[in-house]
Amino acid sequence: MTSNRVPHRVNVHELRDGKTTKVDAYGSGFITAVATLDGDIMEVYFGEGGPRDLQQHIAAAITDEHSPRRRR
């Protein structure tokens, strides 16, 4: 999968216990999700960019990475 498009630059900053961690990544596409949990209420905000077919591959990779593993 090649593309002549300019890559997206995605910056993620996490603030935990007063310390900031930064992830700086480049790619032809991205999917983001940011959530806030307040008691039983969760608010989620999504963002995406790049070709739709690439986003589908990214979503499949996320699903595979975070799916429960089968016990043997």
Protein backbone atom coordinates (compact mmCIF):
# COMPACT_ATOMS: atom_id res chain seq x y z
CA MET A 1 0.00 0.00 0.00
CA THR A 2 1.78 3.10 -1.19
CA SER A 3 0.60 6.66 -1.33
CA ASN A 4 1.85 9.93 -2.77
CA ARG A 5 0.01 11.83 -0.04
CA VAL A 6 1.85 13.85 2.57
CA PRO A 7 2.01 11.79 5.79
CA HIS A 8 -0.02 12.78 8.82
CA ARG A 9 1.82 13.78 11.97
CA VAL A 10 0.10 12.69 15.17
CA ASN A 11 1.16 13.94 18.61
CA VAL A 12 -0.18 12.31 21.74
CA HIS A 13 0.50 13.77 25.18
CA GLU A 14 -0.35 11.83 28.31
CA LEU A 15 -0.41 13.54 31.69
CA ARG A 16 -0.18 11.11 34.60
CA ASP A 17 0.87 11.91 38.15
CA GLY A 18 2.17 15.31 37.04
CA LYS A 19 4.47 13.83 34.36
CA THR A 20 3.99 14.25 30.61
CA THR A 21 4.78 11.52 28.10
CA LYS A 22 4.83 12.47 24.41
CA VAL A 23 4.47 10.14 21.45
CA ASP A 24 5.29 11.67 18.07
CA ALA A 25 4.36 9.51 15.07
CA TYR A 26 4.13 9.88 11.28
CA GLY A 27 2.03 7.82 8.90
CA SER A 28 -0.27 7.81 5.89
CA GLY A 29 -3.31 7.35 8.10
CA PHE A 30 -4.43 7.34 11.71
CA ILE A 31 -7.31 6.58 14.06
CA THR A 32 -7.47 8.22 17.48
CA ALA A 33 -9.71 7.77 20.50
CA VAL A 34 -9.59 9.85 23.66
CA ALA A 35 -11.80 9.00 26.63
CA THR A 36 -12.76 10.49 29.98
CA LEU A 37 -14.31 8.29 32.65
CA ASP A 38 -16.35 10.03 35.34
CA GLY A 39 -17.99 7.46 37.59
CA ASP A 40 -20.19 5.35 35.33
CA ILE A 41 -20.13 7.85 32.45
CA MET A 42 -17.52 7.61 29.69
CA GLU A 43 -17.14 10.27 27.01
CA VAL A 44 -15.17 9.23 23.93
CA TYR A 45 -13.92 11.45 21.10
CA PHE A 46 -12.68 9.95 17.83
CA GLY A 47 -10.56 11.31 15.01
CA GLU A 48 -9.25 9.79 11.81
CA GLY A 49 -7.29 10.71 8.73
CA GLY A 50 -5.94 9.17 5.57
CA PRO A 51 -7.41 6.79 3.01
CA ARG A 52 -10.46 4.83 4.17
CA ASP A 53 -8.95 1.45 3.18
CA LEU A 54 -5.88 2.19 5.31
CA GLN A 55 -8.12 3.15 8.23
CA GLN A 56 -9.83 -0.25 7.89
CA HIS A 57 -6.44 -1.99 8.12
CA ILE A 58 -5.53 0.11 11.18
CA ALA A 59 -8.86 -0.76 12.85
CA ALA A 60 -8.29 -4.48 12.16
CA ALA A 61 -4.79 -4.27 13.68
CA ILE A 62 -6.16 -2.53 16.81
CA THR A 63 -8.89 -5.15 17.14
CA ASP A 64 -6.36 -7.97 16.82
CA GLU A 65 -3.94 -6.39 19.30
CA HIS A 66 -6.59 -5.77 21.96
CA SER A 67 -8.84 -8.81 21.55
CA PRO A 68 -8.93 -11.39 24.36
CA ARG A 69 -6.54 -14.22 23.61
CA ARG A 70 -7.97 -17.72 23.46
CA ARG A 71 -6.91 -20.00 26.30
CA ARG A 72 -5.39 -23.32 25.32
